[in-house]
């Protein structure tokens, strides 16, 4: 008499959509867990595992997303950042010069009209 191990009965692999439908039908109480298990030829432990995985997936999907640009490091290299700063400072200096000129031009007509009187 030989004692060979029994060949394992292979379970059919179910696509994710079918597993999701099975879990949702139990969660919405359209079908009982036992019905789903008999229909799909699975154990209640496997159905419970699918339900746990579905819940973890939902919770993970509803977590706030992190901004991928901050995880990768700075958006600009130091060289580009310096160049941008220089250009910004030059534009600010030009704007300040134009503002001073405008103030001077606005004061000139008042001085001219006071002399004419």
C-alpha atoms as a PDB file:
ATOM      1  CA  UNK A   1       0.000   0.000   0.000  1.00  0.00           C
ATOM      2  CA  UNK A   2       1.490   3.352  -1.101  1.00  0.00           C
ATOM      3  CA  UNK A   3       0.879   6.588   0.699  1.00  0.00           C
ATOM      4  CA  UNK A   4       0.904   9.105  -2.087  1.00  0.00           C
ATOM      5  CA  UNK A   5      -0.372  12.555  -1.222  1.00  0.00           C
ATOM      6  CA  UNK A   6      -3.727  13.400  -2.658  1.00  0.00           C
ATOM      7  CA  UNK A   7      -3.504  15.697  -5.641  1.00  0.00           C
ATOM      8  CA  UNK A   8      -4.680  19.153  -4.685  1.00  0.00           C
ATOM      9  CA  UNK A   9      -7.931  20.191  -6.153  1.00  0.00           C
ATOM     10  CA  UNK A  10      -7.226  23.306  -8.181  1.00  0.00           C
ATOM     11  CA  UNK A  11      -9.503  26.203  -7.548  1.00  0.00           C
ATOM     12  CA  UNK A  12     -10.631  28.164 -10.545  1.00  0.00           C
ATOM     13  CA  UNK A  13      -9.172  31.643 -10.760  1.00  0.00           C
ATOM     14  CA  UNK A  14     -11.816  34.317 -10.811  1.00  0.00           C
ATOM     15  CA  UNK A  15     -11.257  37.703 -12.436  1.00  0.00           C
ATOM     16  CA  UNK A  16     -11.298  40.769 -10.205  1.00  0.00           C
ATOM     17  CA  UNK A  17     -14.654  41.913 -11.569  1.00  0.00           C
ATOM     18  CA  UNK A  18     -16.302  38.629 -10.637  1.00  0.00           C
ATOM     19  CA  UNK A  19     -14.770  38.724  -7.150  1.00  0.00           C
ATOM     20  CA  UNK A  20     -15.934  42.327  -6.715  1.00  0.00           C
ATOM     21  CA  UNK A  21     -19.450  41.392  -7.801  1.00  0.00           C
ATOM     22  CA  UNK A  22     -19.477  38.523  -5.319  1.00  0.00           C
ATOM     23  CA  UNK A  23     -18.335  40.770  -2.458  1.00  0.00           C
ATOM     24  CA  UNK A  24     -20.770  43.541  -3.360  1.00  0.00           C
ATOM     25  CA  UNK A  25     -23.682  41.124  -3.612  1.00  0.00           C
ATOM     26  CA  UNK A  26     -22.951  40.010  -0.036  1.00  0.00           C
ATOM     27  CA  UNK A  27     -22.419  43.572   1.222  1.00  0.00           C
ATOM     28  CA  UNK A  28     -25.675  44.784  -0.320  1.00  0.00           C
ATOM     29  CA  UNK A  29     -27.439  41.723   1.131  1.00  0.00           C
ATOM     30  CA  UNK A  30     -28.727  40.589  -2.240  1.00  0.00           C
ATOM     31  CA  UNK A  31     -27.215  37.158  -1.604  1.00  0.00           C
ATOM     32  CA  UNK A  32     -26.014  35.245   1.420  1.00  0.00           C
ATOM     33  CA  UNK A  33     -22.345  34.343   1.758  1.00  0.00           C
ATOM     34  CA  UNK A  34     -23.206  30.651   1.601  1.00  0.00           C
ATOM     35  CA  UNK A  35     -24.986  31.099  -1.728  1.00  0.00           C
ATOM     36  CA  UNK A  36     -22.003  32.890  -3.219  1.00  0.00           C
ATOM     37  CA  UNK A  37     -19.610  30.222  -1.939  1.00  0.00           C
ATOM     38  CA  UNK A  38     -21.674  27.373  -3.377  1.00  0.00           C
ATOM     39  CA  UNK A  39     -22.133  29.144  -6.712  1.00  0.00           C
ATOM     40  CA  UNK A  40     -18.416  29.853  -7.120  1.00  0.00           C
ATOM     41  CA  UNK A  41     -17.226  26.645  -5.406  1.00  0.00           C
ATOM     42  CA  UNK A  42     -15.129  28.570  -2.871  1.00  0.00           C
ATOM     43  CA  UNK A  43     -14.737  28.392   0.896  1.00  0.00           C
ATOM     44  CA  UNK A  44     -16.192  30.943   3.269  1.00  0.00           C
ATOM     45  CA  UNK A  45     -12.624  31.763   4.335  1.00  0.00           C
ATOM     46  CA  UNK A  46     -11.751  32.732   0.758  1.00  0.00           C
ATOM     47  CA  UNK A  47     -14.851  34.919   0.493  1.00  0.00           C
ATOM     48  CA  UNK A  48     -13.919  36.572   3.800  1.00  0.00           C
ATOM     49  CA  UNK A  49     -10.419  37.201   2.404  1.00  0.00           C
ATOM     50  CA  UNK A  50     -11.915  38.830  -0.701  1.00  0.00           C
ATOM     51  CA  UNK A  51     -14.058  41.047   1.523  1.00  0.00           C
ATOM     52  CA  UNK A  52     -11.051  42.130   3.612  1.00  0.00           C
ATOM     53  CA  UNK A  53      -9.013  42.896   0.506  1.00  0.00           C
ATOM     54  CA  UNK A  54     -11.905  44.868  -0.984  1.00  0.00           C
ATOM     55  CA  UNK A  55     -12.232  46.953   2.180  1.00  0.00           C
ATOM     56  CA  UNK A  56      -8.469  47.631   2.315  1.00  0.00           C
ATOM     57  CA  UNK A  57      -8.538  48.632  -1.356  1.00  0.00           C
ATOM     58  CA  UNK A  58     -11.404  51.062  -0.803  1.00  0.00           C
ATOM     59  CA  UNK A  59      -9.692  52.634   2.201  1.00  0.00           C
ATOM     60  CA  UNK A  60      -6.424  53.000   0.296  1.00  0.00           C
ATOM     61  CA  UNK A  61      -8.211  54.530  -2.686  1.00  0.00           C
ATOM     62  CA  UNK A  62      -9.911  57.109  -0.457  1.00  0.00           C
ATOM     63  CA  UNK A  63      -6.740  58.257   1.305  1.00  0.00           C
ATOM     64  CA  UNK A  64      -5.517  61.737   0.308  1.00  0.00           C
ATOM     65  CA  UNK A  65      -3.049  61.595  -2.544  1.00  0.00           C
ATOM     66  CA  UNK A  66       0.452  62.907  -2.131  1.00  0.00           C
ATOM     67  CA  UNK A  67       1.790  65.422  -4.570  1.00  0.00           C
ATOM     68  CA  UNK A  68       4.276  63.527  -6.747  1.00  0.00           C
ATOM     69  CA  UNK A  69       6.293  66.651  -7.586  1.00  0.00           C
ATOM     70  CA  UNK A  70       7.337  67.157  -3.946  1.00  0.00           C
ATOM     71  CA  UNK A  71       8.400  63.546  -3.609  1.00  0.00           C
ATOM     72  CA  UNK A  72      10.766  63.776  -6.572  1.00  0.00           C
ATOM     73  CA  UNK A  73      12.740  66.728  -5.216  1.00  0.00           C
ATOM     74  CA  UNK A  74      12.921  70.356  -6.275  1.00  0.00           C
ATOM     75  CA  UNK A  75      11.203  71.296  -9.513  1.00  0.00           C
ATOM     76  CA  UNK A  76      14.064  73.589 -10.598  1.00  0.00           C
ATOM     77  CA  UNK A  77      17.768  72.990 -10.551  1.00  0.00           C
ATOM     78  CA  UNK A  78      19.848  75.472  -8.561  1.00  0.00           C
ATOM     79  CA  UNK A  79      21.206  76.953 -11.784  1.00  0.00           C
ATOM     80  CA  UNK A  80      17.713  77.609 -13.149  1.00  0.00           C
ATOM     81  CA  UNK A  81      16.564  78.991  -9.818  1.00  0.00           C
ATOM     82  CA  UNK A  82      19.467  81.489  -9.721  1.00  0.00           C
ATOM     83  CA  UNK A  83      18.743  82.578 -13.295  1.00  0.00           C
ATOM     84  CA  UNK A  84      15.083  83.066 -12.484  1.00  0.00           C
ATOM     85  CA  UNK A  85      15.956  85.076  -9.354  1.00  0.00           C
ATOM     86  CA  UNK A  86      18.278  87.339 -11.344  1.00  0.00           C
ATOM     87  CA  UNK A  87      15.611  88.004 -13.947  1.00  0.00           C
ATOM     88  CA  UNK A  88      13.033  88.710 -11.241  1.00  0.00           C
ATOM     89  CA  UNK A  89      15.367  91.162  -9.493  1.00  0.00           C
ATOM     90  CA  UNK A  90      16.119  92.919 -12.785  1.00  0.00           C
ATOM     91  CA  UNK A  91      12.407  93.246 -13.543  1.00  0.00           C
ATOM     92  CA  UNK A  92      11.745  94.607 -10.033  1.00  0.00           C
ATOM     93  CA  UNK A  93      14.581  97.157 -10.396  1.00  0.00           C
ATOM     94  CA  UNK A  94      13.203  98.279 -13.749  1.00  0.00           C
ATOM     95  CA  UNK A  95       9.712  98.625 -12.258  1.00  0.00           C
ATOM     96  CA  UNK A  96      11.071 100.694  -9.345  1.00  0.00           C
ATOM     97  CA  UNK A  97      12.921 102.992 -11.768  1.00  0.00           C
ATOM     98  CA  UNK A  98       9.724 103.475 -13.825  1.00  0.00           C
ATOM     99  CA  UNK A  99       7.705 104.237 -10.676  1.00  0.00           C
ATOM    100  CA  UNK A 100      10.204 106.919  -9.605  1.00  0.00           C
ATOM    101  CA  UNK A 101      10.094 108.454 -13.080  1.00  0.00           C
ATOM    102  CA  UNK A 102       6.288 108.479 -13.015  1.00  0.00           C
ATOM    103  CA  UNK A 103       6.259 110.270  -9.650  1.00  0.00           C
ATOM    104  CA  UNK A 104       8.714 112.843 -11.004  1.00  0.00           C
ATOM    105  CA  UNK A 105       6.623 113.417 -14.149  1.00  0.00           C
ATOM    106  CA  UNK A 106       3.465 113.820 -12.081  1.00  0.00           C
ATOM    107  CA  UNK A 107       5.145 116.473  -9.913  1.00  0.00           C
ATOM    108  CA  UNK A 108       6.531 118.495 -12.855  1.00  0.00           C
ATOM    109  CA  UNK A 109       3.197 119.835 -14.146  1.00  0.00           C
ATOM    110  CA  UNK A 110       2.320 121.047 -10.654  1.00  0.00           C
ATOM    111  CA  UNK A 111       5.647 122.904 -10.390  1.00  0.00           C
ATOM    112  CA  UNK A 112       5.243 124.349 -13.914  1.00  0.00           C
ATOM    113  CA  UNK A 113       1.699 125.595 -13.278  1.00  0.00           C
ATOM    114  CA  UNK A 114       2.788 127.236  -9.971  1.00  0.00           C
ATOM    115  CA  UNK A 115       5.558 129.165 -11.811  1.00  0.00           C
ATOM    116  CA  UNK A 116       3.169 130.369 -14.524  1.00  0.00           C
ATOM    117  CA  UNK A 117       0.886 132.100 -12.038  1.00  0.00           C
END
